[in-house]
Amino acid sequence: MLTSQRHPLPRTDRAAPPPLPFTAAERRLIAQLRTPAAVQRWLNALPYNTEEQGETLRSFRGVVRHGVAHCLEAALSAAVILEQHRFPPLVLSFESIDLLDHVIYIYRGADGWGSIARSRDPGLHGRRPVFATPRALAQSYFESYIDFTGGITAYGVADLRVLAPYDWRLSPKNVWKVEQFLIDLPHRRLAYSAHRTEALRRRYAAFREAHGYKPWKYYKGKDRWMPLPPEFAARG
């Protein structure tokens, strides 16, 4: 869904965290993961949730219990953890040409906006907090989003606190309402060149044909990426 309305910058207030009935194990984990970088390292160490037993959308509690996470589960987990350290629970949703969307957690650091993310694609993980606006942060994903069919068309930013009283944080059930909320979220169009997109797609296809795996080392701006999960470290 696209809209022409003005979008204010996301809230960056450091409000007191909500009192939640965490388990002892969850509290220990939250106490250990005090920074966005620490949360990204934790998510990098989790296997990606390929949903082999059926689709899931687990809360933070479900991710801790099962020890795997896909992109939206990772974003929700980051939001819950860092909310307890006074970061607002903000997520950024991408819309793609091929309808295979992606969701990341975003936050404002001392030097700009950054993100935390988990993906099957190496270029769609976290970014360092150096971007002037959420739009600039979203734009940094454009090149690495392109594969055989994908390409970012728009992005939207949401504060998950607006879902109250819905329990997206600790529910033992799948939190499908979050997915629908993000589908319905107004998204802002990102301008792109069809010619450039097709050139990037041809480069991607050639790399995959030559090497058999997804590229990441040739992308621009890698110095602004967070460290990647170990499964990508040995590949270029």
Protein backbone atom coordinates (compact mmCIF):
# COMPACT_ATOMS: atom_id res chain seq x y z
CA MET A 1 0.00 0.00 0.00
CA LEU A 2 1.40 3.39 -0.98
CA THR A 3 0.45 6.79 0.32
CA SER A 4 1.36 10.38 -0.39
CA GLN A 5 0.71 11.60 3.15
CA ARG A 6 3.52 13.15 5.16
CA HIS A 7 5.24 10.72 7.52
CA PRO A 8 6.86 12.18 10.65
CA LEU A 9 10.14 10.70 11.81
CA PRO A 10 9.66 7.70 14.12
CA ARG A 11 9.64 8.32 17.84
CA THR A 12 13.05 8.05 19.46
CA ASP A 13 11.98 8.66 23.07
CA ARG A 14 13.62 6.49 25.68
CA ALA A 15 10.46 5.66 27.62
CA ALA A 16 10.47 3.40 30.64
CA PRO A 17 10.04 -0.21 29.51
CA PRO A 18 6.72 -1.92 30.14
CA PRO A 19 6.65 -4.39 33.05
CA LEU A 20 6.38 -7.83 31.47
CA PRO A 21 6.21 -11.35 32.97
CA PHE A 22 9.51 -12.61 31.57
CA THR A 23 10.81 -16.00 32.59
CA ALA A 24 14.12 -16.18 34.43
CA ALA A 25 15.86 -17.35 31.24
CA GLU A 26 14.37 -14.48 29.24
CA ARG A 27 15.46 -11.95 31.86
CA ARG A 28 19.01 -13.30 31.83
CA LEU A 29 19.14 -13.05 28.05
CA ILE A 30 17.80 -9.49 28.06
CA ALA A 31 20.33 -8.51 30.71
CA GLN A 32 23.14 -9.86 28.52
CA LEU A 33 21.96 -8.18 25.32
CA ARG A 34 22.14 -4.52 26.25
CA THR A 35 23.09 -3.03 22.86
CA PRO A 36 21.93 -3.36 19.25
CA ALA A 37 25.27 -4.92 18.33
CA ALA A 38 24.84 -7.59 21.00
CA VAL A 39 21.33 -8.38 19.78
CA GLN A 40 22.59 -8.71 16.20
CA ARG A 41 25.31 -11.14 17.33
CA TRP A 42 22.71 -13.23 19.17
CA LEU A 43 20.44 -13.36 16.13
CA ASN A 44 23.38 -14.18 13.85
CA ALA A 45 24.06 -17.25 16.00
CA LEU A 46 20.49 -18.54 15.64
CA PRO A 47 19.65 -20.80 12.70
CA TYR A 48 17.31 -19.18 10.20
CA ASN A 49 13.73 -20.41 10.60
CA THR A 50 12.92 -22.06 7.27
CA GLU A 51 9.44 -23.01 8.54
CA GLU A 52 9.78 -26.62 7.37
CA GLN A 53 6.94 -27.74 9.65
CA GLY A 54 4.62 -24.95 8.49
CA GLU A 55 4.53 -21.16 8.63
CA THR A 56 5.21 -19.46 11.95
CA LEU A 57 5.24 -15.97 13.39
CA ARG A 58 6.61 -16.40 16.88
CA SER A 59 6.97 -13.78 19.55
CA PHE A 60 10.22 -13.20 21.43
CA ARG A 61 9.17 -15.94 23.83
CA GLY A 62 8.64 -18.35 20.97
CA VAL A 63 12.02 -17.52 19.45
CA VAL A 64 13.80 -18.13 22.75
CA ARG A 65 11.94 -21.39 23.21
CA HIS A 66 12.57 -22.74 19.71
CA GLY A 67 16.00 -21.23 19.07
CA VAL A 68 15.35 -20.20 15.44
CA ALA A 69 14.06 -17.02 13.81
CA HIS A 70 13.05 -15.71 10.40
CA CYS A 71 13.17 -12.02 9.51
CA LEU A 72 9.99 -10.82 11.24
CA GLU A 73 10.55 -13.04 14.27
CA ALA A 74 14.04 -11.56 14.56
CA ALA A 75 12.71 -8.01 14.29
CA LEU A 76 10.11 -8.66 16.99
CA SER A 77 12.72 -10.22 19.26
CA ALA A 78 15.06 -7.26 18.83
CA ALA A 79 12.17 -4.91 19.60
CA VAL A 80 11.30 -6.71 22.84
CA ILE A 81 14.90 -6.96 24.05
CA LEU A 82 15.90 -3.40 23.31
CA GLU A 83 12.64 -1.95 24.57
CA GLN A 84 13.76 -3.18 27.97
CA HIS A 85 16.86 -1.01 27.47
CA ARG A 86 14.70 2.02 26.57
CA PHE A 87 14.83 1.80 22.77
CA PRO A 88 11.39 2.26 21.17
CA PRO A 89 10.06 -0.87 19.40
CA LEU A 90 10.32 0.33 15.79
CA VAL A 91 10.32 -1.85 12.68
CA LEU A 92 10.78 -1.04 9.01
CA SER A 93 8.86 -3.02 6.41
CA PHE A 94 9.99 -3.35 2.78
CA GLU A 95 7.69 -4.01 -0.17
CA SER A 96 9.22 -5.83 -3.13
CA ILE A 97 8.47 -6.22 -6.82
CA ASP A 98 7.97 -9.97 -6.30
CA LEU A 99 5.85 -9.54 -3.12
CA LEU A 100 8.57 -11.22 -1.00
CA ASP A 101 8.76 -8.56 1.68
CA HIS A 102 11.33 -8.11 4.45
CA VAL A 103 11.12 -6.61 7.96
CA ILE A 104 13.93 -5.20 10.08
CA TYR A 105 14.21 -3.57 13.51
CA ILE A 106 15.45 0.04 13.43
CA TYR A 107 16.81 2.39 16.08
CA ARG A 108 18.39 5.81 16.45
CA GLY A 109 21.99 5.85 17.69
CA ALA A 110 24.26 8.77 18.54
CA ASP A 111 25.37 9.13 14.90
CA GLY A 112 22.25 8.14 13.01
CA TRP A 113 19.79 5.37 12.22
CA GLY A 114 20.77 1.71 12.23
CA SER A 115 19.08 -1.67 12.01
CA ILE A 116 19.08 -5.25 13.24
CA ALA A 117 17.93 -8.04 10.94
CA ARG A 118 18.10 -11.73 10.06
CA SER A 119 17.72 -13.11 6.55
CA ARG A 120 18.59 -15.93 4.19
CA ASP A 121 20.28 -13.27 2.07
CA PRO A 122 23.65 -11.93 3.27
CA GLY A 123 22.97 -8.34 2.24
CA LEU A 124 19.74 -8.00 4.20
CA HIS A 125 21.12 -8.10 7.73
CA GLY A 126 21.76 -5.18 10.07
CA ARG A 127 23.26 -1.78 9.31
CA ARG A 128 25.45 0.36 11.53
CA PRO A 129 23.75 3.46 13.03
CA VAL A 130 25.17 5.99 10.58
CA PHE A 131 22.20 6.89 8.35
CA ALA A 132 20.66 10.36 8.52
CA THR A 133 17.05 9.20 8.14
CA PRO A 134 15.05 5.96 8.03
CA ARG A 135 14.65 6.57 4.29
CA ALA A 136 18.43 6.65 3.80
CA LEU A 137 18.66 3.46 5.85
CA ALA A 138 16.00 1.81 3.69
CA GLN A 139 17.79 2.93 0.51
CA SER A 140 20.98 1.16 1.68
CA TYR A 141 19.19 -2.16 1.15
CA PHE A 142 18.22 -1.51 -2.47
CA GLU A 143 21.17 -3.12 -4.25
CA SER A 144 21.47 -6.14 -1.98
CA TYR A 145 17.71 -6.82 -2.16
CA ILE A 146 17.91 -7.61 -5.86
CA ASP A 147 18.06 -11.27 -6.81
CA PHE A 148 16.35 -13.21 -9.61
CA THR A 149 12.98 -11.55 -8.90
CA GLY A 150 13.21 -9.12 -5.96
CA GLY A 151 13.56 -5.37 -5.79
CA ILE A 152 12.44 -2.80 -3.21
CA THR A 153 9.57 -0.57 -4.26
CA ALA A 154 8.57 1.04 -0.94
CA TYR A 155 9.16 1.06 2.80
CA GLY A 156 7.12 1.81 5.91
CA VAL A 157 8.06 2.43 9.53
CA ALA A 158 5.89 1.32 12.45
CA ASP A 159 5.94 1.71 16.21
CA LEU A 160 4.69 -1.62 17.55
CA ARG A 161 3.31 0.04 20.67
CA VAL A 162 0.27 1.05 18.64
CA LEU A 163 -0.80 -2.62 18.69
CA ALA A 164 -1.62 -2.47 22.40
CA PRO A 165 -3.22 -4.38 24.07
CA TYR A 166 -2.33 -7.13 21.57
CA ASP A 167 0.43 -9.35 22.98
CA TRP A 168 3.04 -9.35 20.21
CA ARG A 169 5.88 -9.57 22.74
CA LEU A 170 5.32 -12.79 24.72
CA SER A 171 2.36 -14.62 23.22
CA PRO A 172 2.79 -18.43 23.13
CA LYS A 173 0.83 -18.39 19.85
CA ASN A 174 1.70 -17.14 16.40
CA VAL A 175 1.22 -13.38 16.27
CA TRP A 176 -0.35 -13.12 12.82
CA LYS A 177 -1.92 -9.77 13.66
CA VAL A 178 1.55 -8.20 13.37
CA GLU A 179 1.92 -9.47 9.82
CA GLN A 180 -1.47 -8.06 8.81
CA PHE A 181 -0.66 -4.77 10.52
CA LEU A 182 2.50 -4.45 8.42
CA ILE A 183 0.69 -5.41 5.22
CA ASP A 184 -1.84 -2.64 5.90
CA LEU A 185 0.84 -0.13 6.94
CA PRO A 186 1.18 2.89 4.63
CA HIS A 187 4.46 2.57 2.71
CA ARG A 188 6.48 5.31 1.04
CA ARG A 189 7.70 4.76 -2.49
CA LEU A 190 11.43 4.52 -3.16
CA ALA A 191 12.37 5.80 -6.59
CA TYR A 192 14.45 3.41 -8.66
CA SER A 193 15.69 3.02 -12.20
CA ALA A 194 14.33 0.03 -14.08
CA HIS A 195 17.48 0.04 -16.23
CA ARG A 196 19.76 -0.05 -13.18
CA THR A 197 17.62 -2.71 -11.54
CA GLU A 198 17.88 -5.00 -14.56
CA ALA A 199 21.65 -4.43 -14.76
CA LEU A 200 22.00 -5.41 -11.09
CA ARG A 201 19.78 -8.45 -11.68
CA ARG A 202 21.97 -9.60 -14.58
CA ARG A 203 25.06 -9.24 -12.39
CA TYR A 204 23.39 -11.25 -9.63
CA ALA A 205 22.34 -14.01 -12.04
CA ALA A 206 25.83 -14.22 -13.52
CA PHE A 207 27.38 -14.53 -10.06
CA ARG A 208 24.97 -17.26 -9.01
CA GLU A 209 25.60 -19.18 -12.21
CA ALA A 210 29.37 -18.93 -11.76
CA HIS A 211 29.57 -19.59 -8.01
CA GLY A 212 26.34 -21.29 -6.94
CA TYR A 213 25.71 -19.09 -3.91
CA LYS A 214 24.51 -15.59 -3.06
CA PRO A 215 27.01 -12.72 -3.34
CA TRP A 216 27.77 -10.03 -0.80
CA LYS A 217 31.38 -8.85 -1.10
CA TYR A 218 30.84 -6.88 -4.30
CA TYR A 219 28.08 -4.68 -2.85
CA LYS A 220 28.75 -1.02 -2.19
CA GLY A 221 28.60 0.34 1.36
CA LYS A 222 29.60 -2.88 3.11
CA ASP A 223 31.51 -0.79 5.66
CA ARG A 224 28.09 0.28 6.97
CA TRP A 225 26.88 -3.30 7.46
CA MET A 226 26.78 -5.06 10.80
CA PRO A 227 28.81 -8.31 10.96
CA LEU A 228 27.19 -11.16 9.04
CA PRO A 229 26.20 -14.60 10.38
CA PRO A 230 28.97 -17.21 10.16
CA GLU A 231 27.34 -19.13 7.29
CA PHE A 232 28.23 -16.25 4.95
CA ALA A 233 31.73 -15.48 6.25
CA ALA A 234 33.63 -17.83 3.93
CA ARG A 235 31.81 -16.79 0.77
CA GLY A 236 32.20 -13.77 -1.45
